[in-house]
Amino acid sequence: QGWAPGGPPPGFARGGGGGAGPGQASFGGSAGRAGAEDHRSLAPRVAAMPPRNAAGNAARADAMTDYDMQQVLTSQKQRLRRDAELEMKNTRHNMSKLQESWLKIMRSAKTKQLKKQVEIISQNHERDVDRRDAILQMLDRDLDEAEEQHQVAVRSHLLNVDRLLEIQQSRLLALEDDFNKDVHTLQKEFELERAQIQEKHALEKRELTTIIEQVEKDEKAREQADVTEYQSQFEMIRNRNIEEDHQMKSGLEEKIEDTRAKCKDRLQNYQNLTEGNTADYKEYLHDDANLSKQVERRLRQVTRMHDAIQHWKLKISQNRQDCEERNAQLRTEKDHIAKHFQELKAKMNHFRSEEKKRLADLTQNARNCMTSLGDQLSLAEKIIKTAGLCRKFETEREKVLPFYLSRDLLAEFEEGALEFGDEDLKDEIKKELTDVGIDEWTYLDNFFKRFNKVKLDHLAIEQEGKRLQKENLQLRSILKQFLDGVSVNEDVLAQPNPLLVVNGKVNLNYVPVKRIGEKKVYVEAAHHVTNAPPLA
């Protein structure tokens, strides 16, 4: 009988999870040792099987070997997968523990760092508060000084005003005296001239009175003569007129009578001749009245028509004049508008050119400003970087109090702590100390304080270096003398032995080095934090 390749040989059942029933072999559920036990358990069964042909047995043996190898590989893959899953689970668990531990460590380190920063910030704040208090005190002192100066100026101004008032009062008194003198002189001159004028007036008045009396006498005599002559002439003319009047009246009465008689004769003749003509005249007069009424009516119509024509002509002329004036005004307004338009256009072109020029200037200034600001920004960044580098080398005292307190020389001078032999020198120094100068000159005082402090530290370090170099040379000399004392050669024997003790004294050429003060070693907090070992 044949069997399918890849499946279990005939007479065997494939195991599912590692257990087998009676008379069956178990595969795929154990490791290499289980596979070996299965091989050993299969051996007697295979030997107990009925004999078959050799080719079939060899094929079945190869198939069984392949099947066993596949089962072993499958079991090993499953075991490795379980181990990998367990390792990943343990890795995640350990990673969470490590992260928790690192978070605790980082929190503690961050807390320490923040506390140090808070201390530094509080120290900087106290330093700023002290500096502001000092500035306020200085400003208060300046205000007091300014108030004193103001009071002195006010007092001097009041004194000057009083002095000017006194001068003005004295000037007014002098002017009043001069005025009174001039008035008295003018009064005297006026009285003298008045007396002279009155005398002259009286003399002229007497002369005129005499002349007037003589002229009146002459006029009265002449008037009397004229009246007498007039009376005589009047009488003569009146008598002559009366005679002529009587003659004329008599002649006229005769002529009137003659004329009246002639007129009556003529009237009678005229009436006789013109009776027929009178009747015709009355008829014509009646016709003339009728025609006159018609003419008058027609004349009134003509007058109304003429008035209407005149009215419309006047209205037409007025309208023509109004239109001409309106056209002239519109033409003038058009000319003004055109002129105004040209002016506005010229102004607009000028404004555009000016704005274009200003825009060009603004662009150039903005470019120059950006360039200068860039240079200033680079300089400021360089200054900030340098300040940051210098900040690392500052001591705790410099961090708390960056600017040293200057001596109050003016207070010491006023208290008498400073002695001067010459009074002129003392006054000149006091004047220089009280001269506060311009505020702009004090802008760089803090910078010069820092610079002077650094310069002094640099000089002190140079002095200390020179001292240490000198001490090093002396120690080298002493060491050489000691080595020469313990060695034996011709040069050493030719010179005195430095280690020879005579009367308890060593023959060493040693000059003790003088130390300047007591030097203490300080470890800065920033240096300690920078060089501290990392936390575990």
Protein backbone atom coordinates (compact mmCIF):
# COMPACT_ATOMS: atom_id res chain seq x y z
CA GLN A 1 0.00 0.00 0.00
CA GLY A 2 1.25 3.55 -0.76
CA TRP A 3 0.99 6.84 1.31
CA ALA A 4 1.02 10.49 0.49
CA PRO A 5 4.38 12.31 0.68
CA GLY A 6 4.54 14.80 3.53
CA GLY A 7 1.96 12.90 5.60
CA PRO A 8 2.53 10.33 8.36
CA PRO A 9 3.39 6.81 7.28
CA PRO A 10 0.61 4.21 7.25
CA GLY A 11 -0.26 2.88 10.69
CA PHE A 12 0.67 6.14 12.46
CA ALA A 13 -1.52 9.02 13.58
CA ARG A 14 -0.36 12.75 13.57
CA GLY A 15 -0.22 14.18 17.10
CA GLY A 16 -1.98 17.52 17.77
CA GLY A 17 -0.57 18.98 20.96
CA GLY A 18 2.07 16.67 22.38
CA GLY A 19 0.01 13.68 23.70
CA ALA A 20 -0.67 10.36 21.87
CA GLY A 21 -3.19 7.62 22.28
CA PRO A 22 -2.36 3.99 22.85
CA GLY A 23 -0.52 2.49 19.90
CA GLN A 24 0.22 5.96 18.37
CA ALA A 25 3.38 8.14 18.23
CA SER A 26 3.31 11.87 19.15
CA PHE A 27 5.13 14.51 16.92
CA GLY A 28 5.36 18.34 16.86
CA GLY A 29 4.65 19.03 20.51
CA SER A 30 8.10 18.58 22.16
CA ALA A 31 11.76 19.53 21.72
CA GLY A 32 14.75 17.51 20.41
CA ARG A 33 14.70 15.18 23.39
CA ALA A 34 11.07 14.27 22.77
CA GLY A 35 11.97 13.60 19.15
CA ALA A 36 14.76 11.23 20.22
CA GLU A 37 12.41 9.40 22.57
CA ASP A 38 9.92 9.04 19.74
CA HIS A 39 12.63 7.60 17.54
CA ARG A 40 13.54 5.09 20.22
CA SER A 41 9.89 4.15 20.73
CA LEU A 42 9.41 3.74 17.00
CA ALA A 43 12.36 1.45 16.59
CA PRO A 44 10.77 -1.78 18.09
CA ARG A 45 7.55 -1.02 16.28
CA VAL A 46 9.30 -0.73 12.99
CA ALA A 47 11.20 -3.94 13.75
CA ALA A 48 7.93 -5.67 14.61
CA MET A 49 6.29 -4.68 11.36
CA PRO A 50 5.96 -7.40 8.67
CA PRO A 51 8.80 -7.43 6.18
CA ARG A 52 8.32 -5.64 2.90
CA ASN A 53 10.41 -4.96 -0.09
CA ALA A 54 13.66 -2.98 0.40
CA ALA A 55 12.75 -0.10 -1.93
CA GLY A 56 9.49 0.58 -0.18
CA ASN A 57 11.15 0.44 3.19
CA ALA A 58 13.85 2.87 2.13
CA ALA A 59 11.25 5.30 0.74
CA ARG A 60 9.19 5.09 3.89
CA ALA A 61 12.31 5.63 6.00
CA ASP A 62 13.23 8.75 4.02
CA ALA A 63 9.68 10.06 4.29
CA MET A 64 9.64 9.46 8.04
CA THR A 65 13.00 11.25 8.41
CA ASP A 66 11.74 14.26 6.47
CA TYR A 67 8.56 14.37 8.48
CA ASP A 68 10.50 14.23 11.72
CA MET A 69 12.77 17.08 10.60
CA GLN A 70 9.75 19.23 9.70
CA GLN A 71 8.17 18.57 13.08
CA VAL A 72 11.40 19.49 14.89
CA LEU A 73 11.76 22.74 12.92
CA THR A 74 8.14 23.68 13.63
CA SER A 75 8.56 23.07 17.34
CA GLN A 76 11.79 25.10 17.40
CA LYS A 77 10.09 28.04 15.58
CA GLN A 78 7.21 28.04 18.05
CA ARG A 79 9.62 27.95 21.00
CA LEU A 80 11.68 30.83 19.57
CA ARG A 81 8.51 32.86 18.93
CA ARG A 82 7.39 32.36 22.55
CA ASP A 83 10.86 33.34 23.79
CA ALA A 84 10.86 36.49 21.58
CA GLU A 85 7.40 37.50 22.85
CA LEU A 86 8.51 36.98 26.44
CA GLU A 87 11.69 38.98 25.79
CA MET A 88 9.69 41.84 24.24
CA LYS A 89 7.33 41.84 27.22
CA ASN A 90 10.26 41.93 29.67
CA THR A 91 11.93 44.65 27.58
CA ARG A 92 8.83 46.86 27.70
CA HIS A 93 8.48 46.31 31.42
CA ASN A 94 12.13 47.11 32.07
CA MET A 95 11.97 50.15 29.75
CA SER A 96 9.01 51.56 31.69
CA LYS A 97 10.92 51.04 34.94
CA LEU A 98 14.01 52.71 33.50
CA GLN A 99 11.95 55.67 32.22
CA GLU A 100 10.30 56.05 35.61
CA SER A 101 13.71 55.98 37.33
CA TRP A 102 15.16 58.48 34.85
CA LEU A 103 12.12 60.76 35.28
CA LYS A 104 12.66 60.79 39.05
CA ILE A 105 16.36 61.52 38.59
CA MET A 106 15.71 64.23 35.99
CA ARG A 107 12.99 65.79 38.17
CA SER A 108 15.36 65.98 41.13
CA ALA A 109 18.15 67.43 38.92
CA LYS A 110 15.74 69.90 37.31
CA THR A 111 14.43 70.87 40.76
CA LYS A 112 17.97 71.55 41.98
CA GLN A 113 18.75 73.53 38.84
CA LEU A 114 15.55 75.59 39.16
CA LYS A 115 16.27 76.25 42.84
CA LYS A 116 19.75 77.50 41.92
CA GLN A 117 18.27 79.66 39.16
CA VAL A 118 15.67 81.01 41.58
CA GLU A 119 18.41 81.86 44.06
CA ILE A 120 20.42 83.62 41.35
CA ILE A 121 17.30 85.46 40.12
CA SER A 122 16.43 86.49 43.69
CA GLN A 123 19.99 87.73 44.19
CA ASN A 124 19.79 89.66 40.90
CA HIS A 125 16.43 91.06 41.98
CA GLU A 126 17.84 92.18 45.32
CA ARG A 127 20.79 93.67 43.53
CA ASP A 128 18.45 95.53 41.14
CA VAL A 129 16.35 96.70 44.09
CA ASP A 130 19.47 97.98 45.87
CA ARG A 131 20.63 99.69 42.70
CA ARG A 132 17.20 101.27 42.21
CA ASP A 133 17.18 102.41 45.84
CA ALA A 134 20.59 103.96 45.33
CA ILE A 135 19.36 105.64 42.15
CA LEU A 136 16.27 106.94 43.99
CA GLN A 137 18.44 108.27 46.81
CA MET A 138 20.70 109.93 44.27
CA LEU A 139 17.69 111.44 42.49
CA ASP A 140 16.28 112.60 45.84
CA ARG A 141 19.58 114.23 46.62
CA ASP A 142 19.60 115.83 43.17
CA LEU A 143 16.06 117.09 43.78
CA ASP A 144 17.08 118.58 47.11
CA GLU A 145 20.04 120.27 45.47
CA ALA A 146 17.84 121.52 42.62
CA GLU A 147 15.31 122.83 45.16
CA GLU A 148 18.06 124.65 47.05
CA GLN A 149 19.38 126.09 43.80
CA HIS A 150 15.83 127.13 42.87
CA GLN A 151 15.36 128.84 46.25
CA VAL A 152 18.72 130.62 45.86
CA ALA A 153 17.75 131.70 42.33
CA VAL A 154 14.34 132.92 43.58
CA ARG A 155 15.95 134.90 46.41
CA SER A 156 18.49 136.43 44.05
CA HIS A 157 15.69 137.21 41.58
CA LEU A 158 13.64 138.91 44.31
CA LEU A 159 16.69 140.91 45.40
CA ASN A 160 17.32 141.98 41.83
CA VAL A 161 13.65 142.91 41.42
CA ASP A 162 13.77 145.00 44.63
CA ARG A 163 16.95 146.68 43.43
CA LEU A 164 15.35 147.40 40.05
CA LEU A 165 12.26 148.81 41.79
CA GLU A 166 14.44 151.12 43.88
CA ILE A 167 16.30 152.26 40.77
CA GLN A 168 12.98 152.84 38.96
CA GLN A 169 11.58 154.76 41.95
CA SER A 170 14.66 157.01 42.12
CA ARG A 171 14.46 157.53 38.37
CA LEU A 172 10.77 158.46 38.61
CA LEU A 173 11.51 160.93 41.45
CA ALA A 174 14.27 162.55 39.38
CA LEU A 175 11.97 162.76 36.36
CA GLU A 176 9.21 164.28 38.53
CA ASP A 177 11.62 166.94 39.86
CA ASP A 178 12.71 167.76 36.30
CA PHE A 179 9.07 167.90 35.23
CA ASN A 180 8.15 170.27 38.09
CA LYS A 181 11.09 172.51 37.22
CA ASP A 182 10.07 172.57 33.56
CA VAL A 183 6.44 173.33 34.53
CA HIS A 184 7.51 176.24 36.79
CA THR A 185 9.70 177.67 34.03
CA LEU A 186 6.91 177.31 31.47
CA GLN A 187 4.45 179.01 33.87
CA LYS A 188 6.77 181.98 34.30
CA GLU A 189 7.29 182.28 30.55
CA PHE A 190 3.53 181.91 29.99
CA GLU A 191 2.71 184.67 32.50
CA LEU A 192 5.29 187.00 30.91
CA GLU A 193 4.00 186.34 27.39
CA ARG A 194 0.41 186.70 28.62
CA ALA A 195 1.13 190.16 30.13
CA GLN A 196 2.82 191.27 26.92
CA ILE A 197 -0.05 189.98 24.79
CA GLN A 198 -2.65 191.66 27.03
CA GLU A 199 -0.81 194.99 26.84
CA LYS A 200 -0.55 194.72 23.07
CA HIS A 201 -4.21 193.72 22.83
CA ALA A 202 -5.33 196.71 24.95
CA LEU A 203 -3.30 199.09 22.77
CA GLU A 204 -4.70 197.64 19.55
CA LYS A 205 -8.21 197.66 21.05
CA ARG A 206 -7.95 201.40 21.86
CA GLU A 207 -6.71 202.13 18.35
CA LEU A 208 -9.53 200.10 16.79
CA THR A 209 -12.12 201.80 19.04
CA THR A 210 -10.93 205.25 17.92
CA ILE A 211 -11.03 204.17 14.27
CA ILE A 212 -14.53 202.67 14.66
CA GLU A 213 -15.88 205.88 16.29
CA GLN A 214 -14.46 208.04 13.49
CA VAL A 215 -15.87 205.68 10.82
CA GLU A 216 -19.29 205.71 12.52
CA LYS A 217 -19.33 209.52 12.60
CA ASP A 218 -18.43 209.64 8.91
CA GLU A 219 -21.07 207.06 8.03
CA LYS A 220 -23.76 208.85 10.01
CA ALA A 221 -23.00 212.15 8.21
CA ARG A 222 -23.00 210.41 4.86
CA GLU A 223 -26.25 208.58 5.69
CA GLN A 224 -27.93 211.86 6.69
CA ALA A 225 -26.91 213.45 3.40
CA ASP A 226 -28.13 210.41 1.42
CA VAL A 227 -31.48 210.41 3.25
CA THR A 228 -32.01 214.06 2.53
CA GLU A 229 -31.17 213.61 -1.17
CA TYR A 230 -33.41 210.49 -1.37
CA GLN A 231 -36.38 212.41 0.11
CA SER A 232 -36.02 215.21 -2.38
CA GLN A 233 -35.72 212.80 -5.35
CA PHE A 234 -38.66 210.73 -4.09
CA GLU A 235 -40.95 213.77 -3.95
CA MET A 236 -39.98 214.85 -7.47
CA ILE A 237 -40.51 211.38 -8.97
CA ARG A 238 -43.84 210.90 -7.19
CA ASN A 239 -45.25 214.20 -8.46
CA ARG A 240 -44.14 213.37 -12.00
CA ASN A 241 -45.66 209.88 -11.86
CA ILE A 242 -49.01 211.22 -10.62
CA GLU A 243 -49.23 213.66 -13.54
CA GLU A 244 -48.31 210.99 -16.11
CA ASP A 245 -50.86 208.59 -14.58
CA HIS A 246 -53.74 211.05 -14.96
CA GLN A 247 -52.82 211.74 -18.56
CA MET A 248 -52.54 208.03 -19.44
CA LYS A 249 -55.87 207.16 -17.76
CA SER A 250 -57.81 209.78 -19.73
CA GLY A 251 -56.25 208.67 -23.05
CA LEU A 252 -56.93 204.98 -22.38
CA GLU A 253 -60.59 205.56 -21.50
CA GLU A 254 -61.15 207.27 -24.86
CA LYS A 255 -59.44 204.39 -26.73
CA ILE A 256 -61.47 201.76 -24.83
CA GLU A 257 -64.77 203.34 -25.82
CA ASP A 258 -63.81 203.51 -29.47
CA THR A 259 -62.59 199.91 -29.45
CA ARG A 260 -65.73 198.59 -27.71
CA ALA A 261 -67.96 200.22 -30.37
CA LYS A 262 -65.90 198.74 -33.20
CA CYS A 263 -65.99 195.24 -31.57
CA LYS A 264 -69.80 195.32 -31.27
CA ASP A 265 -70.16 196.21 -34.96
CA ARG A 266 -67.78 193.50 -36.03
CA LEU A 267 -69.48 190.87 -33.79
CA GLN A 268 -72.88 191.67 -35.29
CA ASN A 269 -71.52 191.32 -38.81
CA TYR A 270 -69.77 188.05 -37.92
CA GLN A 271 -72.87 186.52 -36.39
CA ASN A 272 -74.91 187.39 -39.46
CA LEU A 273 -72.33 185.81 -41.75
CA THR A 274 -71.61 182.59 -39.75
CA GLU A 275 -75.06 181.25 -38.80
CA GLY A 276 -75.01 178.44 -41.51
CA ASN A 277 -71.42 177.59 -40.77
CA THR A 278 -72.32 177.23 -37.08
CA ALA A 279 -74.89 174.49 -37.80
CA ASP A 280 -72.38 172.64 -39.98
CA TYR A 281 -69.79 173.13 -37.29
CA LYS A 282 -72.01 171.48 -34.68
CA GLU A 283 -72.63 168.48 -36.96
CA TYR A 284 -68.95 168.20 -37.69
CA LEU A 285 -68.28 168.61 -34.00
CA HIS A 286 -70.58 165.64 -33.20
CA ASP A 287 -68.92 163.52 -35.92
CA ASP A 288 -65.57 164.61 -34.68
CA ALA A 289 -66.48 163.46 -31.14
CA ASN A 290 -67.50 160.02 -32.45
CA LEU A 291 -64.38 159.72 -34.58
CA SER A 292 -62.30 160.94 -31.68
CA LYS A 293 -63.71 158.16 -29.51
CA GLN A 294 -62.86 155.55 -32.19
CA VAL A 295 -59.40 157.03 -32.65
CA GLU A 296 -58.93 157.09 -28.92
CA ARG A 297 -59.97 153.43 -28.69
CA ARG A 298 -57.65 152.48 -31.55
CA LEU A 299 -54.88 154.52 -30.00
CA ARG A 300 -55.39 152.69 -26.74
CA GLN A 301 -55.10 149.36 -28.63
CA VAL A 302 -52.01 150.60 -30.43
CA THR A 303 -50.59 151.81 -27.13
CA ARG A 304 -51.28 148.40 -25.52
CA MET A 305 -49.71 146.62 -28.49
CA HIS A 306 -46.78 148.99 -28.43
CA ASP A 307 -46.41 148.47 -24.67
CA ALA A 308 -46.56 144.70 -25.16
CA ILE A 309 -43.98 144.92 -27.95
CA GLN A 310 -41.77 147.10 -25.80
CA HIS A 311 -42.26 144.70 -22.89
CA TRP A 312 -41.31 141.68 -24.96
CA LYS A 313 -38.39 143.55 -26.55
CA LEU A 314 -37.21 144.53 -23.08
CA LYS A 315 -37.67 140.96 -21.89
CA ILE A 316 -35.80 139.65 -24.93
CA SER A 317 -32.99 142.14 -24.34
CA GLN A 318 -32.92 141.23 -20.65
CA ASN A 319 -32.84 137.53 -21.47
CA ARG A 320 -30.13 138.15 -24.07
CA GLN A 321 -28.14 140.17 -21.54
CA ASP A 322 -28.66 137.52 -18.85
CA CYS A 323 -27.63 134.77 -21.25
CA GLU A 324 -24.60 136.74 -22.37
CA GLU A 325 -23.63 137.41 -18.77
CA ARG A 326 -24.24 133.76 -17.88
CA ASN A 327 -22.24 132.63 -20.91
CA ALA A 328 -19.47 135.05 -19.96
CA GLN A 329 -19.54 133.77 -16.38
CA LEU A 330 -19.53 130.15 -17.60
CA ARG A 331 -16.68 130.96 -20.00
CA THR A 332 -14.77 132.68 -17.18
CA GLU A 333 -15.52 129.79 -14.83
CA LYS A 334 -14.38 127.36 -17.55
CA ASP A 335 -11.15 129.31 -17.93
CA HIS A 336 -10.68 129.35 -14.14
CA ILE A 337 -11.42 125.62 -13.91
CA ALA A 338 -8.98 124.90 -16.75
CA LYS A 339 -6.36 127.10 -15.09
CA HIS A 340 -7.06 125.46 -11.72
CA PHE A 341 -6.86 122.05 -13.39
CA GLN A 342 -3.49 122.93 -14.89
CA GLU A 343 -2.30 124.22 -11.50
CA LEU A 344 -3.55 121.06 -9.76
CA LYS A 345 -1.91 118.93 -12.44
CA ALA A 346 1.36 120.81 -11.99
CA LYS A 347 1.05 120.48 -8.20
CA MET A 348 0.25 116.78 -8.55
CA ASN A 349 3.26 116.23 -10.81
CA HIS A 350 5.43 118.20 -8.41
CA PHE A 351 3.96 116.24 -5.47
CA ARG A 352 4.60 112.97 -7.30
CA SER A 353 8.18 113.94 -8.02
CA GLU A 354 8.65 115.03 -4.40
CA GLU A 355 7.05 111.82 -3.11
CA LYS A 356 9.18 109.77 -5.51
CA LYS A 357 12.27 111.57 -4.28
CA ARG A 358 11.18 111.11 -0.67
CA LEU A 359 10.48 107.43 -1.36
CA ALA A 360 13.96 107.06 -2.84
CA ASP A 361 15.46 108.88 0.16
CA LEU A 362 13.33 106.77 2.52
CA THR A 363 14.45 103.57 0.77
CA GLN A 364 18.07 104.65 0.94
CA ASN A 365 17.72 105.67 4.58
CA ALA A 366 15.91 102.41 5.37
CA ARG A 367 18.69 100.45 3.69
CA ASN A 368 21.32 102.42 5.57
CA CYS A 369 19.31 102.01 8.77
CA MET A 370 19.00 98.26 8.22
CA THR A 371 22.73 98.07 7.56
CA SER A 372 23.55 100.08 10.67
CA LEU A 373 21.03 98.08 12.70
CA GLY A 374 22.57 94.86 11.41
CA ASP A 375 26.02 96.10 12.44
CA GLN A 376 24.67 97.16 15.82
CA LEU A 377 22.86 93.81 16.17
CA SER A 378 26.06 91.90 15.39
CA LEU A 379 27.94 94.11 17.84
CA ALA A 380 25.22 93.58 20.47
CA GLU A 381 25.27 89.81 19.90
CA LYS A 382 29.04 89.86 20.22
CA ILE A 383 28.73 91.91 23.43
CA ILE A 384 26.05 89.52 24.78
CA LYS A 385 28.20 86.48 23.93
CA THR A 386 31.20 88.11 25.56
CA ALA A 387 29.06 89.01 28.59
CA GLY A 388 27.84 85.41 28.77
CA LEU A 389 31.43 84.14 28.66
CA CYS A 390 32.42 86.68 31.31
CA ARG A 391 29.42 85.70 33.43
CA LYS A 392 30.90 82.22 33.92
CA PHE A 393 34.00 83.71 35.51
CA GLU A 394 32.15 86.04 37.89
CA THR A 395 32.35 85.41 41.59
CA GLU A 396 29.38 85.18 43.89
CA ARG A 397 30.05 88.70 45.15
CA GLU A 398 30.15 90.05 41.60
CA LYS A 399 26.87 88.29 40.79
CA VAL A 400 25.19 89.83 43.82
CA LEU A 401 26.94 93.23 43.70
CA PRO A 402 28.37 93.78 40.20
CA PHE A 403 29.38 97.42 40.82
CA TYR A 404 31.59 98.33 43.72
CA LEU A 405 30.55 101.23 45.92
CA SER A 406 32.56 104.37 45.29
CA ARG A 407 33.86 106.40 48.17
CA ASP A 408 31.80 109.43 49.08
CA LEU A 409 34.67 111.90 48.89
CA LEU A 410 32.37 114.88 49.31
CA ALA A 411 31.04 113.55 52.64
CA GLU A 412 34.57 112.76 53.83
CA PHE A 413 35.67 116.20 52.69
CA GLU A 414 32.83 117.90 54.60
CA GLU A 415 33.48 115.79 57.71
CA GLY A 416 37.14 116.83 57.67
CA ALA A 417 38.56 113.35 57.10
CA LEU A 418 40.75 114.68 54.26
CA GLU A 419 43.51 117.11 55.18
CA PHE A 420 44.85 119.74 52.80
CA GLY A 421 47.62 122.20 53.51
CA ASP A 422 46.55 124.79 50.93
CA GLU A 423 43.14 126.46 51.22
CA ASP A 424 43.04 127.34 47.50
CA LEU A 425 43.63 123.69 46.63
CA LYS A 426 40.91 122.70 49.11
CA ASP A 427 38.41 125.11 47.51
CA GLU A 428 39.28 123.93 44.01
CA ILE A 429 38.84 120.25 44.99
CA LYS A 430 35.51 121.03 46.69
CA LYS A 431 34.33 122.84 43.56
CA GLU A 432 35.26 119.88 41.36
CA LEU A 433 33.51 117.44 43.72
CA THR A 434 30.31 119.47 43.85
CA ASP A 435 30.23 119.84 40.07
CA VAL A 436 27.94 116.96 39.01
CA GLY A 437 28.30 117.78 35.32
CA ILE A 438 25.97 116.61 32.58
CA ASP A 439 24.01 113.38 33.00
CA GLU A 440 25.28 112.07 29.65
CA TRP A 441 28.80 111.99 31.07
CA THR A 442 27.68 109.50 33.75
CA TYR A 443 26.21 106.92 31.34
CA LEU A 444 29.42 104.82 31.27
CA ASP A 445 30.25 105.03 34.98
CA ASN A 446 29.10 101.44 35.66
CA PHE A 447 31.05 100.20 32.64
CA PHE A 448 34.18 102.01 33.79
CA LYS A 449 33.68 100.54 37.27
CA ARG A 450 33.58 97.02 35.84
CA PHE A 451 36.47 97.78 33.51
CA ASN A 452 38.54 99.28 36.36
CA LYS A 453 37.80 96.27 38.56
CA VAL A 454 38.85 93.85 35.80
CA LYS A 455 41.91 95.98 35.11
CA LEU A 456 42.84 95.95 38.81
CA ASP A 457 42.31 92.17 38.95
CA HIS A 458 44.49 91.80 35.85
CA LEU A 459 47.21 93.93 37.39
CA ALA A 460 46.92 92.02 40.66
CA ILE A 461 47.23 88.72 38.77
CA GLU A 462 50.28 90.05 36.93
CA GLN A 463 51.85 91.12 40.25
CA GLU A 464 51.03 87.75 41.75
CA GLY A 465 52.53 86.02 38.69
CA LYS A 466 55.70 88.07 39.01
CA ARG A 467 55.88 87.24 42.71
CA LEU A 468 55.36 83.53 42.04
CA GLN A 469 57.95 83.63 39.26
CA LYS A 470 60.42 85.27 41.63
CA GLU A 471 59.59 82.71 44.31
CA ASN A 472 60.01 79.92 41.75
CA LEU A 473 63.45 81.27 40.79
CA GLN A 474 64.44 81.45 44.45
CA LEU A 475 63.22 77.89 45.05
CA ARG A 476 65.10 76.71 42.00
CA SER A 477 68.24 78.44 43.34
CA ILE A 478 67.79 76.80 46.75
CA LEU A 479 67.20 73.40 45.10
CA LYS A 480 70.35 73.85 43.01
CA GLN A 481 72.35 74.77 46.12
CA PHE A 482 70.96 71.71 47.92
CA LEU A 483 71.86 69.43 45.01
CA ASP A 484 75.32 71.00 44.85
CA GLY A 485 75.65 70.32 48.58
CA VAL A 486 74.87 66.62 48.29
CA SER A 487 76.92 66.03 45.12
CA VAL A 488 80.70 65.83 44.81
CA ASN A 489 82.56 67.34 41.86
CA GLU A 490 85.29 69.86 41.26
CA ASP A 491 82.96 72.82 40.79
CA VAL A 492 81.10 72.07 44.02
CA LEU A 493 84.33 71.54 45.98
CA ALA A 494 85.74 74.81 44.66
CA GLN A 495 82.71 76.72 46.11
CA PRO A 496 81.52 76.93 49.73
CA ASN A 497 79.19 74.11 50.78
CA PRO A 498 75.64 75.46 51.22
CA LEU A 499 74.64 72.62 53.58
CA LEU A 500 77.40 73.34 56.06
CA VAL A 501 75.88 74.32 59.40
CA VAL A 502 77.87 76.92 61.33
CA ASN A 503 76.55 77.98 64.73
CA GLY A 504 73.15 76.53 63.93
CA LYS A 505 72.78 78.47 60.64
CA VAL A 506 72.54 77.01 57.13
CA ASN A 507 74.72 78.64 54.50
CA LEU A 508 71.89 78.89 51.93
CA ASN A 509 71.45 82.02 49.86
CA TYR A 510 67.70 82.28 50.63
CA VAL A 511 65.70 85.44 50.49
CA PRO A 512 62.22 84.95 52.01
CA VAL A 513 59.35 85.94 49.74
CA LYS A 514 56.96 88.50 51.14
CA ARG A 515 53.33 87.49 50.74
CA ILE A 516 50.70 90.14 50.30
CA GLY A 517 47.96 89.38 52.78
CA GLU A 518 46.38 86.06 53.48
CA LYS A 519 45.13 84.25 50.40
CA LYS A 520 42.16 81.96 50.79
CA VAL A 521 41.03 79.44 48.23
CA TYR A 522 37.43 79.81 47.06
CA VAL A 523 35.49 77.37 44.90
CA GLU A 524 32.79 79.09 42.90
CA ALA A 525 29.33 77.55 42.65
CA ALA A 526 29.27 77.86 38.87
CA HIS A 527 32.64 76.04 38.65
CA HIS A 528 31.38 73.37 41.02
CA VAL A 529 28.19 72.84 38.99
CA THR A 530 30.11 72.77 35.72
CA ASN A 531 32.72 70.25 36.92
CA ALA A 532 30.33 68.14 39.03
CA PRO A 533 30.14 64.43 38.07
CA PRO A 534 26.96 63.33 36.28
CA LEU A 535 24.17 61.82 38.33
CA ALA A 536 23.90 58.03 38.31
